[in-house]
């Protein structure tokens, strides 16, 4: 019995290694990695880094003694000092509980590398703050927008929370102090392993930054890593369709079922006002104003709280007259989107569209027919693009669309470089 305990006391489960992780800057961080079973691995930053991965001796797991690497000997001494402390701690862990988990390993690493702190239970953890944030602001005014979260934003935060919660558990718990550039790189790698697109990943990073900014403002932590430029959303421009004025005319002239007709009319209102679906799908008689001989839509944007006064286009005016001087009745977004695919096919929007996306870190190409890509958001993009091509001042369009900068606006609209040059060429400056 005593022999058995003696063996356990000096036994360490799994493997323990120093490894490096290459950073985008060209440097490499030094990590301690403990693997102790299938799916059980903890990677932890030692806080040390080297100027190049080439300066690392993988076999010896130490910095090469090169004069070009500043403080190479000091770094190696630091690693030599910490390793036996970790080994002893892991042996003790195994002795006390052979089935120890990642959280216990991380706590040991925190202690050895001097990152452990007394837990203040009055401060919610990152995961607790994340959940509280979307639950609280689902019904209470957000301090920034002064209103509760929109349905789409709430759904997005819930999805991001679930993904982050799973990843946090996988890593033994992630709190404010764990947010580093190493974390950022590893979280991106995890999300890409799920075959998510860059834009979908971007949404999760954006939501996490929202929570980190909120918790920072409440004094829950003072970690500013998420504000670094490198801690960026990996967004990419994906070609999205719009409908030209001629194509919109085709939609107007279609004979449709009553349900499809409502979807088409709602879409056309969006295409001639630039309103988001969350706005054009809640218009009522109260939003109509008659000023100096012309009808206008007056509405406060649900997303931005910006008051808007948009002139009624002749097409929207005809639609309003058809429904007894009122906008069409509301419909669930998903029902409108389903109808739009059928309507687009009926209108013979059969143009081939090739879309390239980065999924799982790899470029992939997809082929569609144009009608397959029709959604309620196509209406808004169509408005911005057609208004721009018609010569409407960019700032006037942005007043309606809510784009904050011209750069973002130009990325959004679907106008070719020639179309932009042609529009500039029509300016009086070039025609004197």
Protein backbone atom coordinates (compact mmCIF):
# COMPACT_ATOMS: atom_id res chain seq x y z
CA UNK A 1 0.00 0.00 0.00
CA UNK A 2 2.76 2.45 0.99
CA UNK A 3 4.73 1.58 -2.14
CA UNK A 4 1.66 2.30 -4.28
CA UNK A 5 1.26 5.75 -2.71
CA UNK A 6 4.95 6.47 -3.17
CA UNK A 7 4.75 5.67 -6.89
CA UNK A 8 1.65 7.84 -7.32
CA UNK A 9 3.27 10.75 -5.56
CA UNK A 10 6.11 10.89 -8.06
CA UNK A 11 4.11 10.09 -11.17
CA UNK A 12 3.01 12.72 -13.68
CA UNK A 13 0.25 11.91 -16.13
CA UNK A 14 0.60 12.78 -19.82
CA UNK A 15 3.24 14.97 -21.42
CA UNK A 16 4.62 18.40 -20.64
CA UNK A 17 6.48 20.45 -23.25
CA UNK A 18 7.56 23.96 -24.10
CA UNK A 19 6.42 24.93 -27.58
CA UNK A 20 6.30 28.11 -29.60
CA UNK A 21 3.40 29.75 -31.40
CA UNK A 22 4.21 31.92 -34.39
CA UNK A 23 2.63 35.37 -34.29
CA UNK A 24 1.55 37.59 -37.18
CA UNK A 25 4.23 40.07 -36.16
CA UNK A 26 6.89 37.49 -37.09
CA UNK A 27 7.77 36.84 -33.47
CA UNK A 28 6.91 33.68 -31.52
CA UNK A 29 5.42 33.28 -28.07
CA UNK A 30 6.67 30.49 -25.80
CA UNK A 31 3.96 28.30 -24.35
CA UNK A 32 3.80 25.42 -21.90
CA UNK A 33 1.63 22.58 -23.19
CA UNK A 34 0.25 19.78 -21.04
CA UNK A 35 -1.58 16.92 -22.79
CA UNK A 36 -3.19 14.35 -20.50
CA UNK A 37 -5.77 12.44 -22.51
CA UNK A 38 -7.96 12.60 -25.61
CA UNK A 39 -9.26 16.14 -26.01
CA UNK A 40 -7.46 17.19 -22.84
CA UNK A 41 -4.74 19.71 -23.57
CA UNK A 42 -3.91 23.02 -21.95
CA UNK A 43 -1.76 25.54 -23.79
CA UNK A 44 -0.59 28.41 -21.62
CA UNK A 45 1.55 31.43 -22.39
CA UNK A 46 4.70 31.67 -20.27
CA UNK A 47 4.82 35.40 -20.96
CA UNK A 48 8.12 34.95 -22.80
CA UNK A 49 8.65 35.47 -26.54
CA UNK A 50 11.43 35.39 -29.11
CA UNK A 51 12.02 37.59 -32.13
CA UNK A 52 11.83 34.75 -34.64
CA UNK A 53 10.67 31.09 -34.67
CA UNK A 54 14.10 30.27 -36.12
CA UNK A 55 15.66 31.05 -32.74
CA UNK A 56 13.88 28.09 -31.10
CA UNK A 57 15.46 24.66 -30.66
CA UNK A 58 12.52 22.28 -30.90
CA UNK A 59 14.45 19.24 -29.65
CA UNK A 60 15.87 20.95 -26.57
CA UNK A 61 12.73 23.10 -26.10
CA UNK A 62 14.83 26.13 -25.36
CA UNK A 63 16.05 29.28 -27.10
CA UNK A 64 19.13 28.76 -29.22
CA UNK A 65 22.09 30.59 -27.70
CA UNK A 66 22.30 33.08 -30.52
CA UNK A 67 23.65 36.53 -29.95
CA UNK A 68 20.88 37.90 -32.17
CA UNK A 69 18.20 36.91 -29.64
CA UNK A 70 18.25 39.40 -26.81
CA UNK A 71 18.24 37.85 -23.32
CA UNK A 72 18.35 34.27 -24.66
CA UNK A 73 20.11 33.02 -21.53
CA UNK A 74 17.67 34.81 -19.23
CA UNK A 75 14.69 33.31 -21.06
CA UNK A 76 16.17 29.81 -20.82
CA UNK A 77 16.89 30.31 -17.12
CA UNK A 78 13.29 31.35 -16.60
CA UNK A 79 12.03 28.22 -18.41
CA UNK A 80 14.45 25.99 -16.47
CA UNK A 81 13.22 27.42 -13.17
CA UNK A 82 9.50 27.04 -13.93
CA UNK A 83 9.56 23.51 -15.38
CA UNK A 84 10.26 21.57 -12.13
CA UNK A 85 7.66 23.69 -10.31
CA UNK A 86 5.06 22.69 -12.88
CA UNK A 87 6.12 19.04 -12.86
CA UNK A 88 5.84 18.90 -9.05
CA UNK A 89 2.45 20.57 -9.20
CA UNK A 90 1.15 18.09 -11.79
CA UNK A 91 2.42 15.15 -9.73
CA UNK A 92 0.57 16.52 -6.72
CA UNK A 93 -2.56 17.03 -8.81
CA UNK A 94 -2.44 13.43 -10.01
CA UNK A 95 -1.86 12.15 -6.48
CA UNK A 96 -4.88 14.07 -5.15
CA UNK A 97 -7.13 13.41 -8.15
CA UNK A 98 -6.03 11.15 -11.05
CA UNK A 99 -8.95 12.57 -13.11
CA UNK A 100 -8.04 16.23 -12.77
CA UNK A 101 -9.38 18.59 -15.43
CA UNK A 102 -8.21 21.53 -17.53
CA UNK A 103 -9.44 24.07 -15.01
CA UNK A 104 -7.19 22.62 -12.32
CA UNK A 105 -4.20 22.59 -14.69
CA UNK A 106 -4.83 26.22 -15.65
CA UNK A 107 -5.08 27.19 -11.97
CA UNK A 108 -1.69 25.51 -11.39
CA UNK A 109 -0.16 27.42 -14.30
CA UNK A 110 -1.65 30.67 -12.97
CA UNK A 111 0.00 30.00 -9.64
CA UNK A 112 3.40 29.09 -11.07
CA UNK A 113 3.52 32.06 -13.45
CA UNK A 114 2.20 34.49 -10.87
CA UNK A 115 -1.16 35.19 -12.51
CA UNK A 116 -3.43 33.82 -9.81
CA UNK A 117 -5.55 36.38 -8.03
CA UNK A 118 -7.98 36.38 -5.20
CA UNK A 119 -11.39 36.02 -6.79
CA UNK A 120 -13.74 38.93 -6.21
CA UNK A 121 -17.19 37.35 -6.33
CA UNK A 122 -18.79 40.79 -6.64
CA UNK A 123 -17.36 40.93 -10.17
CA UNK A 124 -18.99 38.59 -12.71
CA UNK A 125 -16.71 36.40 -14.77
CA UNK A 126 -16.47 37.04 -18.52
CA UNK A 127 -18.89 34.22 -19.32
CA UNK A 128 -21.32 35.43 -16.64
CA UNK A 129 -21.14 38.99 -17.96
CA UNK A 130 -21.72 37.76 -21.53
CA UNK A 131 -24.95 35.99 -20.60
CA UNK A 132 -26.14 38.77 -18.30
CA UNK A 133 -25.57 41.35 -21.03
CA UNK A 134 -27.88 39.86 -23.65
CA UNK A 135 -30.51 38.79 -21.10
CA UNK A 136 -30.59 42.19 -19.39
CA UNK A 137 -30.57 44.34 -22.52
CA UNK A 138 -33.13 42.16 -24.23
CA UNK A 139 -35.72 44.02 -22.12
CA UNK A 140 -33.83 47.08 -20.79
CA UNK A 141 -32.44 50.08 -22.71
CA UNK A 142 -28.85 49.63 -23.84
CA UNK A 143 -26.62 52.45 -22.51
CA UNK A 144 -25.37 53.21 -26.03
CA UNK A 145 -28.55 52.95 -28.15
CA UNK A 146 -30.92 53.89 -25.28
CA UNK A 147 -33.24 51.03 -26.30
CA UNK A 148 -33.39 47.24 -25.86
CA UNK A 149 -31.46 44.99 -28.24
CA UNK A 150 -33.06 44.47 -31.63
CA UNK A 151 -34.24 40.91 -32.32
CA UNK A 152 -31.46 40.24 -34.83
CA UNK A 153 -28.76 41.55 -32.48
CA UNK A 154 -30.17 39.46 -29.62
CA UNK A 155 -30.15 36.28 -31.72
CA UNK A 156 -26.59 37.01 -32.82
CA UNK A 157 -25.37 37.52 -29.24
CA UNK A 158 -27.05 34.33 -28.03
CA UNK A 159 -25.39 32.30 -30.78
CA UNK A 160 -21.99 33.87 -30.10
CA UNK A 161 -22.38 33.25 -26.38
CA UNK A 162 -23.04 29.54 -26.90
CA UNK A 163 -19.99 29.17 -29.13
CA UNK A 164 -17.77 31.10 -26.71
CA UNK A 165 -19.10 29.12 -23.74
CA UNK A 166 -18.19 25.82 -25.43
CA UNK A 167 -14.72 27.10 -26.28
CA UNK A 168 -14.23 28.48 -22.76
CA UNK A 169 -15.05 25.11 -21.21
CA UNK A 170 -12.72 23.40 -23.67
CA UNK A 171 -9.92 25.69 -22.45
CA UNK A 172 -10.70 25.24 -18.76
CA UNK A 173 -12.43 28.61 -18.43
CA UNK A 174 -11.58 31.94 -20.04
CA UNK A 175 -11.75 35.15 -18.02
CA UNK A 176 -10.82 38.77 -18.68
CA UNK A 177 -7.13 38.32 -17.90
CA UNK A 178 -6.91 35.46 -20.41
CA UNK A 179 -7.75 37.70 -23.37
CA UNK A 180 -4.46 38.07 -25.20
CA UNK A 181 -3.22 37.95 -28.77
CA UNK A 182 -2.42 34.27 -28.18
CA UNK A 183 -6.06 33.76 -27.18
CA UNK A 184 -7.18 35.69 -30.28
CA UNK A 185 -5.10 33.51 -32.62
CA UNK A 186 -6.23 30.29 -30.95
CA UNK A 187 -9.91 31.30 -30.91
CA UNK A 188 -9.75 32.11 -34.64
CA UNK A 189 -8.14 28.73 -35.30
CA UNK A 190 -10.96 27.05 -33.37
CA UNK A 191 -13.68 28.94 -35.27
CA UNK A 192 -12.07 28.13 -38.62
CA UNK A 193 -11.91 24.46 -37.64
CA UNK A 194 -15.72 24.60 -37.51
CA UNK A 195 -15.76 25.54 -41.21
CA UNK A 196 -17.25 28.95 -40.45
CA UNK A 197 -16.95 31.70 -43.06
CA UNK A 198 -14.80 34.76 -42.37
CA UNK A 199 -17.85 37.00 -42.11
CA UNK A 200 -19.53 34.62 -39.65
CA UNK A 201 -16.33 34.51 -37.57
CA UNK A 202 -16.19 38.30 -37.77
CA UNK A 203 -19.59 38.48 -36.13
CA UNK A 204 -18.42 36.38 -33.16
CA UNK A 205 -15.31 38.54 -32.68
CA UNK A 206 -17.45 41.69 -32.89
CA UNK A 207 -19.84 40.38 -30.22
CA UNK A 208 -16.99 39.37 -27.92
CA UNK A 209 -15.46 42.85 -28.27
CA UNK A 210 -18.86 44.33 -27.36
CA UNK A 211 -18.87 42.35 -24.10
CA UNK A 212 -15.24 43.18 -23.36
CA UNK A 213 -15.92 46.89 -23.94
CA UNK A 214 -18.97 46.81 -21.70
CA UNK A 215 -17.19 44.93 -18.89
CA UNK A 216 -14.25 47.35 -19.19
CA UNK A 217 -16.62 50.31 -18.83
CA UNK A 218 -18.04 48.72 -15.66
CA UNK A 219 -14.58 48.31 -14.15
CA UNK A 220 -14.65 44.50 -14.18
CA UNK A 221 -11.12 44.44 -15.65
CA UNK A 222 -8.45 46.69 -17.14
CA UNK A 223 -7.32 44.45 -20.02
CA UNK A 224 -7.09 46.52 -23.23
CA UNK A 225 -5.89 43.76 -25.57
CA UNK A 226 -9.20 43.67 -27.44
CA UNK A 227 -8.70 47.34 -28.40
CA UNK A 228 -5.49 46.60 -30.26
CA UNK A 229 -5.65 46.97 -34.03
CA UNK A 230 -4.52 43.37 -34.49
CA UNK A 231 -7.51 42.12 -32.48
CA UNK A 232 -9.59 42.62 -35.62
CA UNK A 233 -12.69 41.14 -37.18
CA UNK A 234 -11.54 38.94 -40.12
CA UNK A 235 -14.16 40.40 -42.45
CA UNK A 236 -14.02 40.03 -46.21
CA UNK A 237 -15.99 41.62 -49.01
CA UNK A 238 -18.34 39.06 -50.53
CA UNK A 239 -20.03 40.05 -53.76
CA UNK A 240 -23.72 40.56 -53.04
CA UNK A 241 -26.38 41.16 -55.65
CA UNK A 242 -28.64 44.13 -56.25
CA UNK A 243 -31.53 44.62 -58.68
CA UNK A 244 -31.30 47.30 -61.33
CA UNK A 245 -34.20 49.65 -62.04
CA UNK A 246 -35.13 47.52 -65.06
CA UNK A 247 -35.20 44.39 -62.89
CA UNK A 248 -37.32 46.14 -60.27
CA UNK A 249 -39.73 47.06 -63.08
CA UNK A 250 -39.98 43.37 -63.99
CA UNK A 251 -41.00 42.60 -60.41
CA UNK A 252 -43.69 45.30 -60.52
CA UNK A 253 -45.31 43.78 -63.59
CA UNK A 254 -45.51 40.17 -62.35
CA UNK A 255 -48.88 38.53 -61.71
CA UNK A 256 -48.52 36.78 -58.36
CA UNK A 257 -50.53 35.05 -55.66
CA UNK A 258 -51.86 37.31 -52.91
CA UNK A 259 -49.19 36.19 -50.41
CA UNK A 260 -46.37 36.60 -52.95
CA UNK A 261 -47.75 39.99 -53.96
CA UNK A 262 -47.43 41.27 -50.38
CA UNK A 263 -43.82 40.03 -50.21
CA UNK A 264 -43.03 41.66 -53.55
CA UNK A 265 -44.61 44.97 -52.52
CA UNK A 266 -42.76 45.06 -49.20
CA UNK A 267 -39.52 44.36 -51.06
CA UNK A 268 -40.20 47.18 -53.54
CA UNK A 269 -40.83 49.65 -50.71
CA UNK A 270 -37.42 48.67 -49.32
CA UNK A 271 -35.85 49.06 -52.77
CA UNK A 272 -37.20 52.61 -53.17
CA UNK A 273 -36.64 53.84 -49.60
CA UNK A 274 -33.39 52.15 -48.50
CA UNK A 275 -35.02 51.09 -45.25
CA UNK A 276 -33.89 47.94 -43.47
CA UNK A 277 -36.39 45.10 -43.30
CA UNK A 278 -36.81 45.80 -39.58
CA UNK A 279 -38.16 49.22 -40.62
CA UNK A 280 -40.04 48.72 -43.91
CA UNK A 281 -41.76 45.65 -42.47
CA UNK A 282 -43.34 47.67 -39.66
CA UNK A 283 -44.59 50.70 -41.58
CA UNK A 284 -48.17 51.75 -40.92
CA UNK A 285 -50.53 54.60 -41.85
CA UNK A 286 -49.05 56.58 -38.97
CA UNK A 287 -45.70 56.64 -40.78
CA UNK A 288 -47.15 58.49 -43.78
CA UNK A 289 -46.92 62.28 -43.86
CA UNK A 290 -48.24 64.66 -46.54
CA UNK A 291 -46.02 67.74 -46.73
CA UNK A 292 -46.25 70.48 -49.36
CA UNK A 293 -48.01 68.27 -51.89
CA UNK A 294 -45.83 65.17 -51.45
CA UNK A 295 -46.04 61.98 -49.37
CA UNK A 296 -43.16 60.96 -47.11
CA UNK A 297 -42.35 58.03 -44.86
CA UNK A 298 -41.48 59.28 -41.39
CA UNK A 299 -39.91 56.66 -39.15
CA UNK A 300 -37.22 56.22 -36.51
CA UNK A 301 -34.69 53.57 -37.52
CA UNK A 302 -34.95 50.60 -35.19
CA UNK A 303 -31.23 49.88 -35.40
CA UNK A 304 -29.76 53.39 -35.16
CA UNK A 305 -32.64 55.37 -33.56
CA UNK A 306 -32.10 57.92 -36.33
CA UNK A 307 -35.26 59.82 -37.39
CA UNK A 308 -35.83 59.49 -41.14
CA UNK A 309 -38.04 61.41 -43.55
CA UNK A 310 -37.98 59.70 -46.96
CA UNK A 311 -39.92 60.91 -50.02
CA UNK A 312 -42.32 58.36 -51.52
CA UNK A 313 -41.19 57.17 -54.95
CA UNK A 314 -43.99 56.90 -57.55
CA UNK A 315 -43.75 53.10 -57.28
CA UNK A 316 -44.20 53.12 -53.50
CA UNK A 317 -47.05 55.61 -53.87
CA UNK A 318 -48.90 53.19 -56.17
CA UNK A 319 -48.34 50.37 -53.68
CA UNK A 320 -49.73 52.50 -50.84
CA UNK A 321 -52.82 53.39 -52.89
CA UNK A 322 -53.41 49.69 -53.58
CA UNK A 323 -53.63 48.97 -49.84
CA UNK A 324 -56.01 51.86 -49.08
CA UNK A 325 -53.31 54.48 -48.51
CA UNK A 326 -51.40 52.23 -46.13
CA UNK A 327 -48.25 50.10 -46.45
CA UNK A 328 -48.69 46.35 -47.10
CA UNK A 329 -49.35 44.15 -44.04
CA UNK A 330 -46.36 42.82 -42.12
CA UNK A 331 -44.92 39.37 -42.83
CA UNK A 332 -42.24 37.30 -41.08
CA UNK A 333 -38.82 37.92 -42.66
CA UNK A 334 -38.28 34.25 -43.44
CA UNK A 335 -41.60 34.07 -45.31
CA UNK A 336 -40.67 37.09 -47.42
CA UNK A 337 -37.27 35.59 -48.22
CA UNK A 338 -38.85 32.30 -49.25
CA UNK A 339 -41.31 34.10 -51.54
CA UNK A 340 -38.54 36.22 -53.07
CA UNK A 341 -36.75 33.13 -54.41
CA UNK A 342 -39.95 32.03 -56.15
CA UNK A 343 -40.70 35.55 -57.41
CA UNK A 344 -37.13 35.97 -58.71
CA UNK A 345 -37.38 32.70 -60.60
CA UNK A 346 -40.71 33.85 -62.08
CA UNK A 347 -39.01 37.09 -63.18
CA UNK A 348 -36.30 34.95 -64.83
CA UNK A 349 -33.41 36.40 -62.86
CA UNK A 350 -31.28 33.48 -64.12
CA UNK A 351 -27.94 35.28 -64.34
CA UNK A 352 -25.06 33.14 -63.07
CA UNK A 353 -23.46 34.55 -59.91
CA UNK A 354 -20.13 33.27 -58.61
CA UNK A 355 -19.41 33.98 -54.94
CA UNK A 356 -16.07 33.38 -53.26
CA UNK A 357 -15.92 33.02 -49.49
CA UNK A 358 -13.21 32.12 -46.99
CA UNK A 359 -14.54 29.13 -45.07
CA UNK A 360 -12.43 27.32 -42.52
CA UNK A 361 -9.51 29.53 -43.55
CA UNK A 362 -9.71 28.41 -47.21
CA UNK A 363 -11.11 30.19 -50.25
CA UNK A 364 -14.13 28.39 -51.68
CA UNK A 365 -16.22 29.20 -54.74
CA UNK A 366 -19.98 28.74 -55.04
CA UNK A 367 -22.21 29.07 -58.10
CA UNK A 368 -25.76 30.39 -57.89
CA UNK A 369 -28.54 31.73 -60.04
CA UNK A 370 -29.32 35.34 -59.18
CA UNK A 371 -32.84 34.58 -57.98
CA UNK A 372 -31.44 32.14 -55.41
CA UNK A 373 -29.67 35.02 -53.65
CA UNK A 374 -32.66 37.35 -53.35
CA UNK A 375 -33.36 38.40 -49.75
CA UNK A 376 -34.96 41.34 -48.01
CA UNK A 377 -31.51 42.92 -47.68
CA UNK A 378 -31.18 42.97 -51.48
CA UNK A 379 -33.81 45.74 -51.45
CA UNK A 380 -31.66 48.07 -49.34
CA UNK A 381 -28.53 47.38 -51.38
CA UNK A 382 -30.52 47.99 -54.58
CA UNK A 383 -31.68 51.37 -53.31
CA UNK A 384 -28.15 52.51 -52.39
CA UNK A 385 -26.64 51.35 -55.68
CA UNK A 386 -29.41 52.68 -57.94
CA UNK A 387 -29.56 56.01 -56.10
CA UNK A 388 -25.79 56.37 -56.47
CA UNK A 389 -25.90 55.56 -60.18
CA UNK A 390 -28.72 58.06 -60.69
CA UNK A 391 -26.46 60.85 -59.43
CA UNK A 392 -28.02 61.37 -56.01
CA UNK A 393 -25.40 62.97 -53.70
CA UNK A 394 -23.59 60.32 -51.69
CA UNK A 395 -24.12 62.11 -48.38
CA UNK A 396 -27.89 62.25 -49.02
CA UNK A 397 -27.95 58.49 -49.63
CA UNK A 398 -25.88 57.91 -46.49
CA UNK A 399 -28.35 59.98 -44.48
CA UNK A 400 -30.98 57.37 -45.32
CA UNK A 401 -28.75 54.27 -45.31
CA UNK A 402 -27.00 55.15 -42.04
CA UNK A 403 -23.46 54.45 -43.33
CA UNK A 404 -20.98 56.40 -41.20
CA UNK A 405 -18.18 56.85 -43.75
CA UNK A 406 -17.94 57.07 -47.52
CA UNK A 407 -15.40 54.24 -47.51
CA UNK A 408 -17.91 51.88 -45.88
CA UNK A 409 -20.62 53.13 -48.25
CA UNK A 410 -18.53 52.48 -51.37
CA UNK A 411 -17.69 49.00 -50.13
CA UNK A 412 -21.41 48.39 -49.67
CA UNK A 413 -22.82 49.54 -53.00
CA UNK A 414 -22.44 47.45 -56.12
CA UNK A 415 -21.09 49.97 -58.61
CA UNK A 416 -18.13 49.04 -60.81
CA UNK A 417 -15.03 51.23 -61.03
CA UNK A 418 -16.17 52.28 -64.52
CA UNK A 419 -19.60 53.28 -63.22
CA UNK A 420 -17.99 55.37 -60.51
CA UNK A 421 -15.62 56.99 -63.03
CA UNK A 422 -18.53 57.66 -65.42
CA UNK A 423 -20.52 59.32 -62.65
CA UNK A 424 -17.55 61.52 -61.78
CA UNK A 425 -17.10 62.29 -65.48
CA UNK A 426 -20.61 63.67 -65.67
CA UNK A 427 -19.77 66.28 -63.04
CA UNK A 428 -19.64 69.88 -64.36
CA UNK A 429 -15.96 70.06 -63.40
CA UNK A 430 -15.13 67.67 -66.27
CA UNK A 431 -17.54 69.27 -68.77
CA UNK A 432 -16.60 72.93 -68.90
